[in-house]
Amino acid sequence: MTDRTKTPQKPDYSFETEAGAPSSYVVGVDEAGRGPLVGPVVAAAVRLRPEAIPDGLNDSKKLSEAKREALFALIMQSCDVGIAACSPLQIDTLNIHHATLDAMARAVAALPHRPDHILVDGKFTPPTDLSAQAIIKGDGRSLSIAAASIVAKVTRDRILVELDATYPGYGWKQNKGYPTKSHKEALLRLGVTPEHRKSYAPIRNMLSPTDSK
């Protein structure tokens, strides 16, 4: 077994190898968008091909937007990818934890092949009958999870750019729906949109009890 008493500085392929890759179909799973006030939570599942792993894979939060976009293109070209999302309404109905796990399960189901094993970022695995392993800070430890984090992040950011054009004034192109000062000021000026998560405290507190149901 690999000694992981310390988190490596960069992700590697050791979790995948221990799970049987490359002969086994091992997949990394991650999400983007748990914290924002607006838009969907997006999950991605990625199976890397060992002979064509893009250089520079890492936790999406540690990469520039330009680097994420470049890696996204390479991942989509060379890997098996599944993507799924839960809408703000689904988040409000299920809560963000269960919505995230639901999106993860559907991202895995969207892959072209059934995985032998999934590696999931965080403490929890989605509801599945597959062999699954939760890895805390997995996006900085597993190359497959890092790839999934990039796909999820880029996909969600593109959605927010589109929503910004539909609902101008909230700055979603820049803040990606996070509760920045400018976003909260825009909420006071412009009000709550259908894309806001009404179960989240800043939004819920703006609504009457009747409206927030």
Protein backbone atom coordinates (compact mmCIF):
# COMPACT_ATOMS: atom_id res chain seq x y z
CA MET A 1 0.00 0.00 0.00
CA THR A 2 1.14 3.53 -0.70
CA ASP A 3 2.12 5.55 2.37
CA ARG A 4 -0.34 8.43 2.57
CA THR A 5 0.48 9.79 6.01
CA LYS A 6 0.96 13.07 4.20
CA THR A 7 -1.16 14.42 1.37
CA PRO A 8 0.96 14.58 -1.80
CA GLN A 9 1.54 18.00 -3.28
CA LYS A 10 0.07 16.89 -6.59
CA PRO A 11 -2.39 14.14 -7.50
CA ASP A 12 -1.11 10.85 -8.84
CA TYR A 13 -2.45 7.57 -10.25
CA SER A 14 -1.84 5.41 -7.17
CA PHE A 15 -5.47 5.20 -6.01
CA GLU A 16 -6.45 4.07 -9.48
CA THR A 17 -3.67 1.46 -9.59
CA GLU A 18 -4.66 0.05 -6.20
CA ALA A 19 -8.24 -0.27 -7.46
CA GLY A 20 -7.06 -2.35 -10.43
CA ALA A 21 -6.50 0.23 -13.16
CA PRO A 22 -5.78 0.17 -16.01
CA SER A 23 -7.27 -3.30 -16.53
CA SER A 24 -10.24 -2.34 -14.34
CA TYR A 25 -12.53 0.55 -15.26
CA VAL A 26 -11.73 3.02 -12.46
CA VAL A 27 -13.48 6.39 -12.41
CA GLY A 28 -12.97 9.64 -10.51
CA VAL A 29 -16.02 11.65 -9.39
CA ASP A 30 -16.29 15.24 -8.15
CA GLU A 31 -18.70 18.16 -8.05
CA ALA A 32 -18.73 21.92 -8.40
CA GLY A 33 -21.17 24.44 -6.96
CA ARG A 34 -22.12 23.44 -3.44
CA GLY A 35 -21.57 26.91 -1.99
CA PRO A 36 -23.04 29.39 -4.50
CA LEU A 37 -26.45 30.98 -4.03
CA VAL A 38 -27.47 30.43 -7.62
CA GLY A 39 -27.42 27.85 -10.39
CA PRO A 40 -27.05 24.07 -10.41
CA VAL A 41 -24.63 21.82 -8.64
CA VAL A 42 -22.71 19.93 -11.33
CA ALA A 43 -21.03 16.54 -11.00
CA ALA A 44 -18.59 14.85 -13.35
CA ALA A 45 -17.22 11.33 -13.63
CA VAL A 46 -13.99 10.71 -15.56
CA ARG A 47 -12.13 7.57 -16.54
CA LEU A 48 -8.57 8.39 -17.59
CA ARG A 49 -6.70 6.42 -20.21
CA PRO A 50 -3.21 5.79 -18.75
CA GLU A 51 -1.56 6.24 -22.13
CA ALA A 52 -3.17 9.66 -22.65
CA ILE A 53 -3.40 11.39 -19.26
CA PRO A 54 -3.29 15.16 -19.83
CA ASP A 55 -0.32 16.90 -18.22
CA GLY A 56 -1.06 19.32 -15.40
CA LEU A 57 -4.16 17.74 -13.87
CA ASN A 58 -4.83 19.10 -10.40
CA ASP A 59 -7.57 20.29 -8.09
CA SER A 60 -9.54 22.74 -10.26
CA LYS A 61 -9.34 25.39 -7.52
CA LYS A 62 -5.55 25.43 -7.89
CA LEU A 63 -5.67 26.13 -11.62
CA SER A 64 -6.23 29.33 -13.56
CA GLU A 65 -9.35 29.64 -15.68
CA ALA A 66 -7.26 29.40 -18.85
CA LYS A 67 -5.54 26.24 -17.63
CA ARG A 68 -8.88 24.67 -16.65
CA GLU A 69 -10.32 25.40 -20.06
CA ALA A 70 -7.30 23.90 -21.82
CA LEU A 71 -7.39 20.77 -19.67
CA PHE A 72 -11.16 20.48 -20.08
CA ALA A 73 -10.71 20.24 -23.85
CA LEU A 74 -8.04 17.56 -23.47
CA ILE A 75 -10.11 15.55 -20.98
CA MET A 76 -13.19 15.63 -23.20
CA GLN A 77 -11.07 14.51 -26.14
CA SER A 78 -9.11 11.69 -24.51
CA CYS A 79 -11.22 10.36 -21.60
CA ASP A 80 -14.59 8.79 -20.89
CA VAL A 81 -16.73 11.48 -19.26
CA GLY A 82 -20.16 11.62 -17.65
CA ILE A 83 -21.77 14.90 -16.52
CA ALA A 84 -24.99 15.57 -14.58
CA ALA A 85 -26.51 18.45 -12.63
CA CYS A 86 -29.20 19.24 -10.09
CA SER A 87 -31.15 22.44 -10.55
CA PRO A 88 -31.80 25.04 -7.84
CA LEU A 89 -35.31 23.61 -7.39
CA GLN A 90 -33.89 20.11 -6.92
CA ILE A 91 -31.34 21.49 -4.45
CA ASP A 92 -34.12 23.19 -2.49
CA THR A 93 -36.17 19.99 -2.53
CA LEU A 94 -33.46 17.46 -1.71
CA ASN A 95 -30.97 19.74 0.16
CA ILE A 96 -27.50 20.35 -1.25
CA HIS A 97 -25.94 17.21 0.23
CA HIS A 98 -28.44 14.81 -1.32
CA ALA A 99 -28.63 16.82 -4.56
CA THR A 100 -24.86 16.55 -4.91
CA LEU A 101 -24.89 12.79 -4.38
CA ASP A 102 -27.77 12.44 -6.84
CA ALA A 103 -25.86 14.40 -9.49
CA MET A 104 -22.79 12.25 -8.86
CA ALA A 105 -24.77 9.03 -9.29
CA ARG A 106 -26.23 10.26 -12.57
CA ALA A 107 -22.82 11.42 -13.83
CA VAL A 108 -21.48 7.91 -13.24
CA ALA A 109 -24.53 6.45 -15.00
CA ALA A 110 -23.84 8.73 -17.98
CA LEU A 111 -20.45 7.09 -18.67
CA PRO A 112 -20.22 4.84 -21.74
CA HIS A 113 -19.28 1.84 -19.58
CA ARG A 114 -20.19 0.61 -16.11
CA PRO A 115 -17.27 1.27 -13.74
CA ASP A 116 -15.58 -1.43 -11.71
CA HIS A 117 -14.71 1.10 -9.01
CA ILE A 118 -15.35 4.80 -8.37
CA LEU A 119 -13.15 7.23 -6.45
CA VAL A 120 -15.20 10.06 -4.98
CA ASP A 121 -13.97 13.37 -3.61
CA GLY A 122 -15.03 14.02 -0.03
CA LYS A 123 -16.46 11.97 2.83
CA PHE A 124 -19.46 10.42 1.10
CA THR A 125 -20.18 8.24 -1.91
CA PRO A 126 -23.34 8.49 -4.01
CA PRO A 127 -26.09 5.87 -3.77
CA THR A 128 -24.78 3.03 -5.95
CA ASP A 129 -24.23 -0.71 -6.04
CA LEU A 130 -20.74 -0.09 -7.46
CA SER A 131 -17.53 -0.52 -5.53
CA ALA A 132 -16.86 3.00 -4.24
CA GLN A 133 -14.23 4.82 -2.19
CA ALA A 134 -14.55 8.28 -0.64
CA ILE A 135 -11.28 10.23 -0.52
CA ILE A 136 -11.01 13.42 1.52
CA LYS A 137 -9.33 16.12 -0.56
CA GLY A 138 -9.33 13.62 -3.38
CA ASP A 139 -9.15 16.30 -6.07
CA GLY A 140 -5.60 17.00 -4.91
CA ARG A 141 -4.66 13.32 -4.51
CA SER A 142 -6.17 11.35 -7.39
CA LEU A 143 -5.63 12.25 -11.04
CA SER A 144 -9.06 10.89 -11.98
CA ILE A 145 -10.82 12.97 -9.34
CA ALA A 146 -8.76 16.02 -10.35
CA ALA A 147 -9.94 15.55 -13.93
CA ALA A 148 -13.54 15.26 -12.73
CA SER A 149 -13.15 18.44 -10.68
CA ILE A 150 -12.01 20.32 -13.78
CA VAL A 151 -14.89 19.04 -15.91
CA ALA A 152 -17.46 19.89 -13.24
CA LYS A 153 -16.01 23.35 -12.58
CA VAL A 154 -15.71 24.37 -16.23
CA THR A 155 -19.17 23.04 -17.04
CA ARG A 156 -20.77 24.94 -14.17
CA ASP A 157 -18.84 28.15 -14.87
CA ARG A 158 -20.08 28.10 -18.48
CA ILE A 159 -23.66 27.71 -17.24
CA LEU A 160 -23.24 30.74 -14.98
CA VAL A 161 -21.87 32.82 -17.85
CA GLU A 162 -24.99 31.95 -19.84
CA LEU A 163 -27.23 32.79 -16.88
CA ASP A 164 -25.43 36.10 -16.47
CA ALA A 165 -26.61 37.09 -19.94
CA THR A 166 -30.19 36.13 -19.04
CA TYR A 167 -30.13 37.89 -15.66
CA PRO A 168 -27.74 40.84 -15.99
CA GLY A 169 -26.75 42.89 -13.00
CA TYR A 170 -25.84 40.14 -10.52
CA GLY A 171 -22.29 39.69 -11.77
CA TRP A 172 -22.56 35.93 -12.16
CA LYS A 173 -20.01 35.90 -14.97
CA GLN A 174 -17.45 37.09 -12.43
CA ASN A 175 -18.69 35.75 -9.06
CA LYS A 176 -20.13 32.47 -10.44
CA GLY A 177 -23.06 32.79 -8.06
CA TYR A 178 -21.07 32.95 -4.83
CA PRO A 179 -22.32 35.35 -2.12
CA THR A 180 -19.90 38.17 -2.82
CA LYS A 181 -20.62 41.68 -1.61
CA SER A 182 -21.62 42.82 -5.10
CA HIS A 183 -23.92 39.81 -5.56
CA LYS A 184 -25.70 40.49 -2.26
CA GLU A 185 -26.04 44.18 -3.12
CA ALA A 186 -27.56 43.22 -6.48
CA LEU A 187 -30.04 40.97 -4.70
CA LEU A 188 -31.23 43.94 -2.66
CA ARG A 189 -31.60 46.05 -5.81
CA LEU A 190 -32.98 43.51 -8.25
CA GLY A 191 -34.54 40.81 -6.10
CA VAL A 192 -34.44 37.03 -6.19
CA THR A 193 -34.45 35.18 -9.53
CA PRO A 194 -35.76 31.70 -10.38
CA GLU A 195 -32.12 30.58 -10.51
CA HIS A 196 -31.46 31.40 -6.84
CA ARG A 197 -31.49 28.62 -4.24
CA LYS A 198 -34.35 29.59 -1.97
CA SER A 199 -33.31 27.18 0.79
CA TYR A 200 -30.00 29.01 1.27
CA ALA A 201 -30.11 31.43 4.21
CA PRO A 202 -29.30 34.71 2.39
CA ILE A 203 -32.11 34.03 -0.09
CA ARG A 204 -34.52 32.47 2.40
CA ASN A 205 -34.14 35.47 4.69
CA MET A 206 -35.16 37.79 1.86
CA LEU A 207 -38.38 35.93 1.20
CA SER A 208 -41.58 35.79 3.18
CA PRO A 209 -42.46 32.42 4.75
CA THR A 210 -45.08 31.93 2.05
CA ASP A 211 -42.70 32.67 -0.83
CA SER A 212 -39.91 30.46 0.50
CA LYS A 213 -41.98 27.27 0.56
